[in-house]
Amino acid sequence: MNKVRIHESWKRELNDEFSSMYMENLRTFLKQELKLEKKIFPPMNKVFNAFNLTPFTNVKIVLVGQDPYHGNGQANGLSFSVEENIKIPPSLQNIFKELFTDLRLTSPQNGSLEKWAKQGVLLLNNCLTVEKGRPGSHQGKGWEKFTDKVLQTVNDKKKHIVFILWGRKAQEKGNFLDKNRHLVIESSHPSPFSAHTGFFGSKPFSRANKYLLEKRIEPIDWQL
């Protein structure tokens, strides 16, 4: 994992995690998988893309996803986001539909969410890597502990953050968040299997911006 880079602000906050035994074990696991010529997504240089595009000091919103996409060329280290030249996946299509319903913003031509990340939306997956074609293949290897620590750090050290938790898994992951200190927006997942049971009509984008404005924080320009 030598090619992996992470923004200095996150290195400072998560220094103990990077030197921990579980992260050492995770690095060993990933090196072995690569040595066996298994295809891992996202590419190693984009594993911490969310942290590089959204430094700790800039975080305003945390949007929690699950696994990276496991198809060729899709995953770019940001939850729900895909590379510009890749077909927009169904969950992201539904996110764009809700964006239109909520804020009347037109659907973008591609599925890259980099613009959100650069404005302070931490697009955090529960696991940061996956093997090609095998969803959930890197669960239980240490990533969950790391991303729990990320949430805990943002929860404890910052104030007036918007946490957006879509689906049961994200809500369970964020069940310790301080709702007096932050805004926590919860709904069903945007997947085609569950979007009609509470995601559509939940207005997460306008609710997030309303809260930020109330706290005198620059809102997010959600138009992509």
Protein backbone atom coordinates (compact mmCIF):
# COMPACT_ATOMS: atom_id res chain seq x y z
CA MET A 1 0.00 0.00 0.00
CA ASN A 2 2.92 2.39 -0.56
CA LYS A 3 1.06 4.28 -3.28
CA VAL A 4 -1.67 5.24 -0.81
CA ARG A 5 -1.77 8.93 0.17
CA ILE A 6 -3.99 10.64 2.73
CA HIS A 7 -4.39 14.33 3.53
CA GLU A 8 -2.19 15.59 6.39
CA SER A 9 -5.20 16.83 8.40
CA TRP A 10 -6.59 13.27 8.54
CA LYS A 11 -3.16 11.81 9.29
CA ARG A 12 -3.01 14.00 12.39
CA GLU A 13 -6.49 13.01 13.55
CA LEU A 14 -6.12 9.30 12.83
CA ASN A 15 -2.45 8.80 13.61
CA ASP A 16 -3.11 6.10 16.23
CA GLU A 17 -5.28 4.15 13.79
CA PHE A 18 -2.62 4.06 11.08
CA SER A 19 -0.06 2.67 13.52
CA SER A 20 -2.48 0.13 15.05
CA MET A 21 -2.22 -3.64 14.73
CA TYR A 22 -5.55 -3.97 12.92
CA MET A 23 -4.40 -1.56 10.20
CA GLU A 24 -1.13 -3.43 9.88
CA ASN A 25 -3.14 -6.64 9.41
CA LEU A 26 -5.33 -4.90 6.84
CA ARG A 27 -2.28 -3.71 4.90
CA THR A 28 -0.89 -7.26 4.94
CA PHE A 29 -4.20 -8.66 3.69
CA LEU A 30 -4.37 -6.18 0.80
CA LYS A 31 -0.74 -6.81 -0.19
CA GLN A 32 -1.42 -10.57 -0.27
CA GLU A 33 -4.55 -10.10 -2.39
CA LEU A 34 -2.61 -7.95 -4.87
CA LYS A 35 0.24 -10.46 -4.91
CA LEU A 36 -2.32 -13.13 -5.90
CA GLU A 37 -3.20 -10.79 -8.79
CA LYS A 38 -6.73 -10.21 -7.54
CA LYS A 39 -8.37 -7.08 -8.91
CA ILE A 40 -9.07 -4.66 -6.05
CA PHE A 41 -11.31 -1.59 -6.34
CA PRO A 42 -10.82 1.31 -6.15
CA PRO A 43 -7.20 1.48 -7.39
CA MET A 44 -4.79 1.80 -4.46
CA ASN A 45 -4.05 5.45 -5.21
CA LYS A 46 -7.77 6.26 -4.77
CA VAL A 47 -8.53 4.25 -1.62
CA PHE A 48 -8.41 7.43 0.52
CA ASN A 49 -9.77 9.73 -2.19
CA ALA A 50 -12.62 10.92 0.07
CA PHE A 51 -10.09 12.07 2.68
CA ASN A 52 -7.88 13.82 0.14
CA LEU A 53 -10.72 15.72 -1.52
CA THR A 54 -12.36 16.56 1.84
CA PRO A 55 -9.73 17.45 4.46
CA PHE A 56 -10.81 17.13 8.11
CA THR A 57 -10.93 20.91 8.51
CA ASN A 58 -13.39 21.22 5.59
CA VAL A 59 -15.97 18.58 6.59
CA LYS A 60 -19.54 19.90 6.71
CA ILE A 61 -21.50 16.78 5.74
CA VAL A 62 -20.77 13.07 6.06
CA LEU A 63 -22.65 10.80 3.66
CA VAL A 64 -22.19 7.14 4.60
CA GLY A 65 -22.15 4.37 1.98
CA GLN A 66 -21.36 0.64 2.20
CA ASP A 67 -18.90 -1.07 -0.18
CA PRO A 68 -17.15 0.54 -3.12
CA TYR A 69 -18.64 -0.48 -6.49
CA HIS A 70 -17.16 -3.80 -7.62
CA GLY A 71 -17.38 -3.42 -11.42
CA ASN A 72 -14.54 -2.45 -13.75
CA GLY A 73 -13.58 1.21 -13.54
CA GLN A 74 -16.53 2.24 -11.35
CA ALA A 75 -15.14 2.90 -7.86
CA ASN A 76 -13.24 6.16 -7.28
CA GLY A 77 -12.97 6.20 -3.48
CA LEU A 78 -16.11 8.28 -2.91
CA SER A 79 -19.34 6.65 -1.69
CA PHE A 80 -22.06 6.42 -4.38
CA SER A 81 -19.76 8.13 -6.93
CA VAL A 82 -18.38 6.63 -10.15
CA GLU A 83 -15.78 7.78 -12.66
CA GLU A 84 -17.00 10.24 -15.29
CA ASN A 85 -17.01 7.82 -18.23
CA ILE A 86 -18.96 5.08 -16.39
CA LYS A 87 -22.70 4.38 -16.67
CA ILE A 88 -24.59 5.85 -13.68
CA PRO A 89 -25.60 3.00 -11.29
CA PRO A 90 -29.26 2.62 -10.20
CA SER A 91 -28.78 3.94 -6.62
CA LEU A 92 -27.04 7.04 -7.94
CA GLN A 93 -29.78 7.53 -10.53
CA ASN A 94 -32.27 7.57 -7.64
CA ILE A 95 -30.11 10.07 -5.73
CA PHE A 96 -30.23 12.34 -8.78
CA LYS A 97 -34.04 11.89 -9.01
CA GLU A 98 -34.39 13.01 -5.38
CA LEU A 99 -32.02 15.91 -6.08
CA PHE A 100 -34.43 17.06 -8.81
CA THR A 101 -37.54 16.57 -6.65
CA ASP A 102 -35.94 18.32 -3.67
CA LEU A 103 -34.10 21.23 -5.31
CA ARG A 104 -35.22 21.09 -8.97
CA LEU A 105 -31.62 20.48 -10.02
CA THR A 106 -31.16 18.80 -13.38
CA SER A 107 -29.55 15.38 -13.52
CA PRO A 108 -25.84 15.56 -14.34
CA GLN A 109 -24.29 13.94 -17.41
CA ASN A 110 -22.03 11.68 -15.33
CA GLY A 111 -21.84 10.09 -11.90
CA SER A 112 -18.78 11.78 -10.43
CA LEU A 113 -19.51 13.42 -7.06
CA GLU A 114 -16.10 15.10 -6.76
CA LYS A 115 -17.69 18.55 -6.76
CA TRP A 116 -19.58 17.67 -3.57
CA ALA A 117 -16.43 16.25 -1.94
CA LYS A 118 -14.45 19.41 -2.69
CA GLN A 119 -17.12 21.51 -0.94
CA GLY A 120 -16.95 19.54 2.31
CA VAL A 121 -19.14 16.46 1.76
CA LEU A 122 -17.17 13.47 3.10
CA LEU A 123 -18.37 10.59 0.91
CA LEU A 124 -17.42 7.76 3.28
CA ASN A 125 -17.88 4.07 2.57
CA ASN A 126 -18.05 1.56 5.43
CA CYS A 127 -15.34 -0.54 3.72
CA LEU A 128 -12.81 1.25 1.52
CA THR A 129 -11.88 -1.66 -0.77
CA VAL A 130 -13.54 -4.63 -2.48
CA GLU A 131 -12.52 -7.45 -4.83
CA LYS A 132 -13.81 -7.24 -8.40
CA GLY A 133 -17.23 -8.88 -8.75
CA ARG A 134 -17.41 -9.86 -5.06
CA PRO A 135 -19.49 -7.38 -3.04
CA GLY A 136 -18.70 -7.49 0.68
CA SER A 137 -15.46 -9.43 0.07
CA HIS A 138 -13.38 -7.10 2.29
CA GLN A 139 -15.84 -6.91 5.16
CA GLY A 140 -14.46 -7.91 8.55
CA LYS A 141 -10.84 -7.14 7.58
CA GLY A 142 -10.53 -3.92 9.60
CA TRP A 143 -12.06 -1.19 7.45
CA GLU A 144 -15.23 -1.00 9.58
CA LYS A 145 -13.16 -0.27 12.69
CA PHE A 146 -11.28 2.46 10.82
CA THR A 147 -14.41 4.13 9.41
CA ASP A 148 -16.14 3.93 12.81
CA LYS A 149 -13.18 5.87 14.18
CA VAL A 150 -13.57 8.44 11.39
CA LEU A 151 -17.22 8.98 12.35
CA GLN A 152 -16.33 9.12 16.05
CA THR A 153 -13.61 11.70 15.40
CA VAL A 154 -15.90 13.96 13.36
CA ASN A 155 -18.68 13.53 15.94
CA ASP A 156 -16.43 14.39 18.90
CA LYS A 157 -14.13 17.07 17.48
CA LYS A 158 -16.44 19.06 15.24
CA LYS A 159 -19.84 20.66 15.71
CA HIS A 160 -22.83 21.36 13.45
CA ILE A 161 -22.06 18.51 11.04
CA VAL A 162 -24.82 16.95 8.91
CA PHE A 163 -24.66 13.14 8.89
CA ILE A 164 -26.72 11.54 6.09
CA LEU A 165 -27.44 7.88 6.79
CA TRP A 166 -29.31 6.00 4.05
CA GLY A 167 -30.42 2.48 4.90
CA ARG A 168 -30.29 0.27 7.97
CA LYS A 169 -26.54 -0.49 7.81
CA ALA A 170 -25.57 3.18 7.71
CA GLN A 171 -27.99 3.97 10.55
CA GLU A 172 -26.58 1.18 12.72
CA LYS A 173 -23.06 2.43 11.99
CA GLY A 174 -24.02 5.94 13.12
CA ASN A 175 -26.14 5.02 16.13
CA PHE A 176 -23.69 6.72 18.54
CA LEU A 177 -23.79 10.14 16.83
CA ASP A 178 -24.69 13.09 19.06
CA LYS A 179 -27.98 14.43 17.70
CA ASN A 180 -27.85 17.44 20.02
CA ARG A 181 -24.52 18.55 18.55
CA HIS A 182 -25.18 17.62 14.91
CA LEU A 183 -28.02 17.01 12.44
CA VAL A 184 -28.58 13.34 11.57
CA ILE A 185 -30.74 12.72 8.48
CA GLU A 186 -31.96 9.13 8.13
CA SER A 187 -34.07 7.43 5.47
CA SER A 188 -34.21 4.20 3.51
CA HIS A 189 -31.42 3.45 1.03
CA PRO A 190 -31.62 4.88 -2.53
CA SER A 191 -31.31 1.37 -3.98
CA PRO A 192 -34.17 0.39 -6.37
CA PHE A 193 -35.18 -2.19 -3.74
CA SER A 194 -35.89 0.39 -1.03
CA ALA A 195 -35.99 3.92 -2.50
CA HIS A 196 -39.81 3.91 -2.56
CA THR A 197 -40.03 3.13 1.18
CA GLY A 198 -38.84 6.50 2.47
CA PHE A 199 -35.90 7.72 0.42
CA PHE A 200 -37.95 9.46 -2.25
CA GLY A 201 -39.42 12.60 -0.75
CA SER A 202 -36.99 12.72 2.19
CA LYS A 203 -35.42 16.01 0.93
CA PRO A 204 -31.93 15.41 2.39
CA PHE A 205 -30.24 18.09 0.30
CA SER A 206 -32.49 21.01 1.24
CA ARG A 207 -32.63 19.88 4.89
CA ALA A 208 -28.83 19.76 5.05
CA ASN A 209 -28.45 23.24 3.55
CA LYS A 210 -31.17 24.71 5.79
CA TYR A 211 -29.27 23.44 8.86
CA LEU A 212 -25.91 24.75 7.61
CA LEU A 213 -27.39 28.17 6.92
CA GLU A 214 -28.97 28.25 10.40
CA LYS A 215 -25.49 27.61 11.83
CA ARG A 216 -23.97 30.33 9.59
CA ILE A 217 -22.05 27.75 7.54
CA GLU A 218 -21.73 28.10 3.76
CA PRO A 219 -24.26 25.64 2.21
CA ILE A 220 -23.43 23.08 -0.46
CA ASP A 221 -24.02 23.82 -4.13
CA TRP A 222 -25.52 20.42 -5.00
CA GLN A 223 -25.70 21.06 -8.75
CA LEU A 224 -23.21 18.80 -10.53
